[in-house]
Amino acid sequence: MRKQFLANTKYVWYSPHKLRLLADVIRGKGAVDALNWLTVYGTRRSLPLKKTLVSALANARDLKSLEPVDLFVKEVRIDQGPVKKYFKPGAMGRAMPQRKKQCHIKIIVESRQKEV
C-alpha cells in the first residue's frame, strides 16, 4: 500500500474554472516537477496551488520523513465555493448583477514506492 498525504485550502478568491486549467497540468506529475512548474508559471493564480502543494509536501516530510523527490501528485481537486453576489450600476440606471466566485483546493500526494 502506498502512503498518501493531503492538503486543503478553502475560500480562495479565484474562479474554479480558471484554476482547473492549472490543476490539469500538474496532475500526475512528480512533486518536484509540479512545484517548479508552478513557481515559474507567470500568473498570480498559481500561488494558491503552489502553497497547497508545499503544505502537502510538508505533511509528508513531517509524518513519514519522505522527501519531495519520492512523491508524485496523485489528485488535484478544485471545487466550487460560495459565490458573492452584488450589483453594479449599468446603462440607463439599471442594476447589473455581478458574481464573485470562490473555490476550495484539495491536493493529494502519494509515495512512488509501495510500503511493506
N, C-alpha and C. Protein backbone atom coordinates (compact mmCIF):
# COMPACT_ATOMS: atom_id res chain seq x y z
N MET A 1 0.84 -1.19 0.00
CA MET A 1 0.00 0.00 0.00
C MET A 1 0.87 1.24 0.00
N ARG A 2 0.51 2.20 -0.80
CA ARG A 2 1.27 3.45 -0.86
C ARG A 2 0.71 4.44 0.13
N LYS A 3 1.57 5.29 0.65
CA LYS A 3 1.15 6.28 1.63
C LYS A 3 0.72 7.56 0.94
N GLN A 4 -0.42 8.13 1.36
CA GLN A 4 -0.95 9.36 0.78
C GLN A 4 -0.95 10.48 1.81
N PHE A 5 -0.74 11.69 1.32
CA PHE A 5 -0.73 12.87 2.18
C PHE A 5 -1.61 13.95 1.53
N LEU A 6 -2.34 14.68 2.35
CA LEU A 6 -3.40 15.55 1.89
C LEU A 6 -3.18 16.97 2.40
N ALA A 7 -3.59 17.94 1.58
CA ALA A 7 -3.61 19.35 1.99
C ALA A 7 -4.83 20.02 1.38
N ASN A 8 -5.50 20.84 2.18
CA ASN A 8 -6.70 21.57 1.74
C ASN A 8 -6.48 23.06 1.88
N THR A 9 -7.04 23.81 0.97
CA THR A 9 -7.12 25.27 1.08
C THR A 9 -8.55 25.64 0.72
N LYS A 10 -9.19 26.41 1.58
CA LYS A 10 -10.59 26.75 1.35
C LYS A 10 -10.75 28.26 1.15
N TYR A 11 -11.82 28.63 0.47
CA TYR A 11 -12.23 30.01 0.27
C TYR A 11 -11.18 30.84 -0.46
N VAL A 12 -10.68 30.32 -1.57
CA VAL A 12 -9.72 31.02 -2.41
C VAL A 12 -10.49 31.88 -3.41
N TRP A 13 -10.13 33.15 -3.53
CA TRP A 13 -10.89 34.09 -4.36
C TRP A 13 -10.50 34.02 -5.83
N TYR A 14 -10.52 32.83 -6.41
CA TYR A 14 -10.35 32.65 -7.84
C TYR A 14 -11.47 31.74 -8.32
N SER A 15 -11.88 31.93 -9.55
CA SER A 15 -12.91 31.09 -10.12
C SER A 15 -12.37 29.66 -10.28
N PRO A 16 -13.18 28.65 -9.95
CA PRO A 16 -12.70 27.28 -10.10
C PRO A 16 -12.40 26.91 -11.55
N HIS A 17 -13.09 27.52 -12.51
CA HIS A 17 -12.84 27.22 -13.92
C HIS A 17 -11.43 27.64 -14.32
N LYS A 18 -10.96 28.75 -13.78
CA LYS A 18 -9.62 29.22 -14.13
C LYS A 18 -8.52 28.40 -13.45
N LEU A 19 -8.78 27.94 -12.22
CA LEU A 19 -7.76 27.15 -11.53
C LEU A 19 -7.70 25.71 -12.03
N ARG A 20 -8.79 25.21 -12.57
CA ARG A 20 -8.78 23.83 -13.08
C ARG A 20 -7.85 23.67 -14.27
N LEU A 21 -7.63 24.73 -15.03
CA LEU A 21 -6.68 24.66 -16.13
C LEU A 21 -5.26 24.39 -15.63
N LEU A 22 -4.90 25.02 -14.50
CA LEU A 22 -3.58 24.79 -13.92
C LEU A 22 -3.51 23.43 -13.25
N ALA A 23 -4.61 23.01 -12.63
CA ALA A 23 -4.63 21.72 -11.94
C ALA A 23 -4.43 20.57 -12.93
N ASP A 24 -4.97 20.71 -14.13
CA ASP A 24 -4.82 19.66 -15.13
C ASP A 24 -3.36 19.46 -15.54
N VAL A 25 -2.59 20.53 -15.47
CA VAL A 25 -1.18 20.43 -15.87
C VAL A 25 -0.36 19.68 -14.83
N ILE A 26 -0.59 19.93 -13.54
CA ILE A 26 0.27 19.32 -12.51
C ILE A 26 -0.22 17.95 -12.07
N ARG A 27 -1.43 17.56 -12.42
CA ARG A 27 -1.96 16.26 -12.01
C ARG A 27 -1.15 15.14 -12.64
N GLY A 28 -0.65 14.22 -11.81
CA GLY A 28 0.12 13.08 -12.28
C GLY A 28 1.61 13.32 -12.40
N LYS A 29 2.07 14.56 -12.23
CA LYS A 29 3.50 14.85 -12.33
C LYS A 29 4.20 14.53 -11.01
N GLY A 30 5.51 14.47 -11.08
CA GLY A 30 6.30 14.37 -9.86
C GLY A 30 6.15 15.64 -9.05
N ALA A 31 6.29 15.53 -7.74
CA ALA A 31 6.05 16.67 -6.86
C ALA A 31 7.04 17.80 -7.13
N VAL A 32 8.29 17.47 -7.38
CA VAL A 32 9.30 18.49 -7.65
C VAL A 32 9.02 19.18 -8.98
N ASP A 33 8.66 18.41 -10.00
CA ASP A 33 8.34 19.00 -11.31
C ASP A 33 7.13 19.91 -11.22
N ALA A 34 6.10 19.49 -10.50
CA ALA A 34 4.91 20.31 -10.36
C ALA A 34 5.21 21.60 -9.60
N LEU A 35 6.02 21.50 -8.56
CA LEU A 35 6.38 22.69 -7.79
C LEU A 35 7.21 23.66 -8.62
N ASN A 36 8.14 23.14 -9.40
CA ASN A 36 8.95 24.00 -10.27
C ASN A 36 8.09 24.67 -11.34
N TRP A 37 7.15 23.92 -11.91
CA TRP A 37 6.28 24.49 -12.94
C TRP A 37 5.41 25.60 -12.36
N LEU A 38 4.84 25.40 -11.19
CA LEU A 38 4.02 26.43 -10.57
C LEU A 38 4.84 27.66 -10.18
N THR A 39 6.11 27.46 -9.83
CA THR A 39 6.97 28.58 -9.45
C THR A 39 7.25 29.48 -10.64
N VAL A 40 7.52 28.91 -11.81
CA VAL A 40 7.89 29.73 -12.95
C VAL A 40 6.71 30.14 -13.82
N TYR A 41 5.52 29.58 -13.56
CA TYR A 41 4.35 29.96 -14.35
C TYR A 41 3.99 31.40 -14.02
N GLY A 42 3.63 32.19 -15.03
CA GLY A 42 3.58 33.63 -14.89
C GLY A 42 2.28 34.27 -14.44
N THR A 43 1.43 33.57 -13.67
CA THR A 43 0.20 34.21 -13.20
C THR A 43 0.10 34.12 -11.69
N ARG A 44 -0.68 35.04 -11.11
CA ARG A 44 -0.91 35.00 -9.67
C ARG A 44 -1.82 33.85 -9.27
N ARG A 45 -2.57 33.32 -10.23
CA ARG A 45 -3.48 32.22 -9.91
C ARG A 45 -2.74 30.97 -9.46
N SER A 46 -1.48 30.83 -9.83
CA SER A 46 -0.75 29.63 -9.47
C SER A 46 -0.29 29.65 -8.00
N LEU A 47 -0.35 30.79 -7.34
CA LEU A 47 0.14 30.90 -5.96
C LEU A 47 -0.65 30.03 -4.97
N PRO A 48 -2.00 30.02 -4.97
CA PRO A 48 -2.70 29.15 -4.02
C PRO A 48 -2.44 27.67 -4.27
N LEU A 49 -2.30 27.26 -5.53
CA LEU A 49 -1.97 25.87 -5.83
C LEU A 49 -0.58 25.52 -5.33
N LYS A 50 0.35 26.44 -5.50
CA LYS A 50 1.72 26.21 -5.04
C LYS A 50 1.77 26.09 -3.52
N LYS A 51 1.06 26.97 -2.82
CA LYS A 51 1.05 26.92 -1.36
C LYS A 51 0.42 25.62 -0.84
N THR A 52 -0.63 25.17 -1.50
CA THR A 52 -1.28 23.93 -1.09
C THR A 52 -0.38 22.73 -1.35
N LEU A 53 0.33 22.73 -2.46
CA LEU A 53 1.26 21.65 -2.77
C LEU A 53 2.41 21.63 -1.77
N VAL A 54 2.94 22.80 -1.42
CA VAL A 54 4.01 22.88 -0.43
C VAL A 54 3.52 22.34 0.92
N SER A 55 2.27 22.62 1.27
CA SER A 55 1.70 22.12 2.52
C SER A 55 1.59 20.59 2.50
N ALA A 56 1.18 20.02 1.38
CA ALA A 56 1.08 18.57 1.27
C ALA A 56 2.47 17.92 1.37
N LEU A 57 3.47 18.55 0.77
CA LEU A 57 4.83 18.01 0.86
C LEU A 57 5.37 18.12 2.28
N ALA A 58 5.02 19.19 2.98
CA ALA A 58 5.44 19.34 4.38
C ALA A 58 4.77 18.29 5.26
N ASN A 59 3.51 17.96 4.96
CA ASN A 59 2.84 16.89 5.70
C ASN A 59 3.55 15.56 5.51
N ALA A 60 3.98 15.28 4.29
CA ALA A 60 4.70 14.03 4.00
C ALA A 60 6.04 14.01 4.73
N ARG A 61 6.72 15.14 4.77
CA ARG A 61 8.02 15.21 5.43
C ARG A 61 7.87 15.04 6.94
N ASP A 62 6.85 15.65 7.52
CA ASP A 62 6.67 15.59 8.97
C ASP A 62 6.15 14.23 9.44
N LEU A 63 5.22 13.64 8.69
CA LEU A 63 4.59 12.42 9.17
C LEU A 63 5.39 11.16 8.86
N LYS A 64 6.03 11.10 7.72
CA LYS A 64 6.74 9.88 7.31
C LYS A 64 8.18 10.11 6.87
N SER A 65 8.70 11.30 7.02
CA SER A 65 10.08 11.63 6.63
C SER A 65 10.35 11.31 5.15
N LEU A 66 9.38 11.60 4.30
CA LEU A 66 9.56 11.39 2.86
C LEU A 66 9.99 12.70 2.21
N GLU A 67 10.91 12.60 1.29
CA GLU A 67 11.37 13.78 0.55
C GLU A 67 10.49 14.00 -0.68
N PRO A 68 10.42 15.24 -1.19
CA PRO A 68 9.59 15.52 -2.37
C PRO A 68 9.98 14.73 -3.61
N VAL A 69 11.22 14.28 -3.70
CA VAL A 69 11.67 13.51 -4.87
C VAL A 69 10.92 12.18 -4.94
N ASP A 70 10.53 11.63 -3.77
CA ASP A 70 9.87 10.32 -3.71
C ASP A 70 8.36 10.41 -3.90
N LEU A 71 7.81 11.60 -4.16
CA LEU A 71 6.36 11.78 -4.21
C LEU A 71 5.89 12.23 -5.59
N PHE A 72 4.63 11.95 -5.89
CA PHE A 72 4.00 12.49 -7.10
C PHE A 72 2.60 12.98 -6.74
N VAL A 73 2.07 13.85 -7.58
CA VAL A 73 0.76 14.44 -7.35
C VAL A 73 -0.30 13.45 -7.87
N LYS A 74 -1.00 12.82 -6.95
CA LYS A 74 -1.99 11.82 -7.35
C LYS A 74 -3.31 12.47 -7.75
N GLU A 75 -3.77 13.44 -6.95
CA GLU A 75 -5.09 14.02 -7.20
C GLU A 75 -5.06 15.51 -6.89
N VAL A 76 -5.69 16.29 -7.76
CA VAL A 76 -5.90 17.72 -7.54
C VAL A 76 -7.37 18.00 -7.81
N ARG A 77 -8.07 18.47 -6.78
CA ARG A 77 -9.49 18.79 -6.94
C ARG A 77 -9.70 20.27 -6.70
N ILE A 78 -10.42 20.89 -7.60
CA ILE A 78 -10.83 22.29 -7.46
C ILE A 78 -12.35 22.30 -7.42
N ASP A 79 -12.91 22.55 -6.24
CA ASP A 79 -14.36 22.52 -6.07
C ASP A 79 -14.90 23.94 -5.95
N GLN A 80 -16.17 24.09 -6.29
CA GLN A 80 -16.85 25.38 -6.19
C GLN A 80 -17.07 25.74 -4.73
N GLY A 81 -16.78 26.99 -4.38
CA GLY A 81 -17.05 27.51 -3.06
C GLY A 81 -18.23 28.46 -3.09
N PRO A 82 -18.40 29.26 -2.05
CA PRO A 82 -19.50 30.22 -2.04
C PRO A 82 -19.33 31.30 -3.10
N VAL A 83 -20.45 31.85 -3.54
CA VAL A 83 -20.44 32.91 -4.55
C VAL A 83 -20.99 34.17 -3.92
N LYS A 84 -20.22 35.25 -4.01
CA LYS A 84 -20.68 36.55 -3.51
C LYS A 84 -21.41 37.26 -4.64
N LYS A 85 -22.66 37.60 -4.40
CA LYS A 85 -23.45 38.27 -5.43
C LYS A 85 -23.66 39.73 -5.02
N TYR A 86 -23.45 40.63 -5.99
CA TYR A 86 -23.65 42.05 -5.74
C TYR A 86 -24.03 42.71 -7.05
N PHE A 87 -24.38 44.00 -6.99
CA PHE A 87 -24.84 44.72 -8.17
C PHE A 87 -23.97 45.92 -8.43
N LYS A 88 -23.73 46.20 -9.72
CA LYS A 88 -23.04 47.41 -10.14
C LYS A 88 -23.99 48.19 -11.05
N PRO A 89 -23.83 49.49 -11.09
CA PRO A 89 -24.71 50.26 -11.97
C PRO A 89 -24.41 49.98 -13.45
N GLY A 90 -25.49 49.92 -14.23
CA GLY A 90 -25.37 49.68 -15.66
C GLY A 90 -25.95 50.84 -16.44
N ALA A 91 -26.17 50.63 -17.70
CA ALA A 91 -26.68 51.67 -18.59
C ALA A 91 -28.13 52.02 -18.23
N MET A 92 -28.47 53.27 -18.38
CA MET A 92 -29.82 53.78 -18.17
C MET A 92 -30.37 53.46 -16.78
N GLY A 93 -29.50 53.49 -15.78
CA GLY A 93 -29.94 53.32 -14.40
C GLY A 93 -30.24 51.89 -13.98
N ARG A 94 -29.91 50.93 -14.81
CA ARG A 94 -30.18 49.53 -14.46
C ARG A 94 -29.14 49.01 -13.48
N ALA A 95 -29.50 47.97 -12.75
CA ALA A 95 -28.56 47.26 -11.87
C ALA A 95 -28.06 46.02 -12.61
N MET A 96 -26.75 45.91 -12.72
CA MET A 96 -26.15 44.76 -13.41
C MET A 96 -25.62 43.78 -12.37
N PRO A 97 -26.12 42.55 -12.33
CA PRO A 97 -25.66 41.58 -11.32
C PRO A 97 -24.22 41.14 -11.60
N GLN A 98 -23.45 41.03 -10.54
CA GLN A 98 -22.06 40.56 -10.60
C GLN A 98 -21.93 39.36 -9.66
N ARG A 99 -21.06 38.42 -10.02
CA ARG A 99 -20.83 37.25 -9.17
C ARG A 99 -19.34 37.06 -8.98
N LYS A 100 -18.91 37.04 -7.75
CA LYS A 100 -17.50 36.82 -7.41
C LYS A 100 -17.40 35.41 -6.84
N LYS A 101 -16.64 34.54 -7.50
CA LYS A 101 -16.61 33.13 -7.13
C LYS A 101 -15.41 32.78 -6.26
N GLN A 102 -15.61 31.78 -5.42
CA GLN A 102 -14.55 31.23 -4.59
C GLN A 102 -14.41 29.74 -4.91
N CYS A 103 -13.29 29.16 -4.50
CA CYS A 103 -13.11 27.73 -4.72
C CYS A 103 -12.35 27.11 -3.55
N HIS A 104 -12.41 25.79 -3.48
CA HIS A 104 -11.69 25.01 -2.50
C HIS A 104 -10.70 24.12 -3.25
N ILE A 105 -9.47 24.04 -2.74
CA ILE A 105 -8.41 23.26 -3.38
C ILE A 105 -8.06 22.07 -2.49
N LYS A 106 -7.95 20.89 -3.09
CA LYS A 106 -7.54 19.69 -2.37
C LYS A 106 -6.46 18.99 -3.19
N ILE A 107 -5.29 18.78 -2.60
CA ILE A 107 -4.19 18.12 -3.29
C ILE A 107 -3.77 16.89 -2.47
N ILE A 108 -3.65 15.76 -3.15
CA ILE A 108 -3.17 14.53 -2.53
C ILE A 108 -1.88 14.12 -3.24
N VAL A 109 -0.82 13.94 -2.45
CA VAL A 109 0.45 13.44 -2.99
C VAL A 109 0.63 12.02 -2.45
N GLU A 110 1.32 11.20 -3.25
CA GLU A 110 1.48 9.81 -2.89
C GLU A 110 2.92 9.39 -3.12
N SER A 111 3.39 8.44 -2.31
CA SER A 111 4.76 7.96 -2.48
C SER A 111 4.85 7.07 -3.71
N ARG A 112 6.02 7.06 -4.33
CA ARG A 112 6.21 6.27 -5.55
C ARG A 112 6.35 4.78 -5.26
N GLN A 113 7.04 4.43 -4.17
CA GLN A 113 7.24 3.03 -3.87
C GLN A 113 6.21 2.55 -2.86
N LYS A 114 5.89 1.26 -2.98
CA LYS A 114 4.90 0.66 -2.09
C LYS A 114 5.53 0.40 -0.73
N GLU A 115 4.71 0.59 0.32
CA GLU A 115 5.15 0.31 1.68
C GLU A 115 4.85 -1.15 2.01
N VAL A 116 5.75 -1.80 2.70
CA VAL A 116 5.54 -3.19 3.04
C VAL A 116 5.14 -3.34 4.49
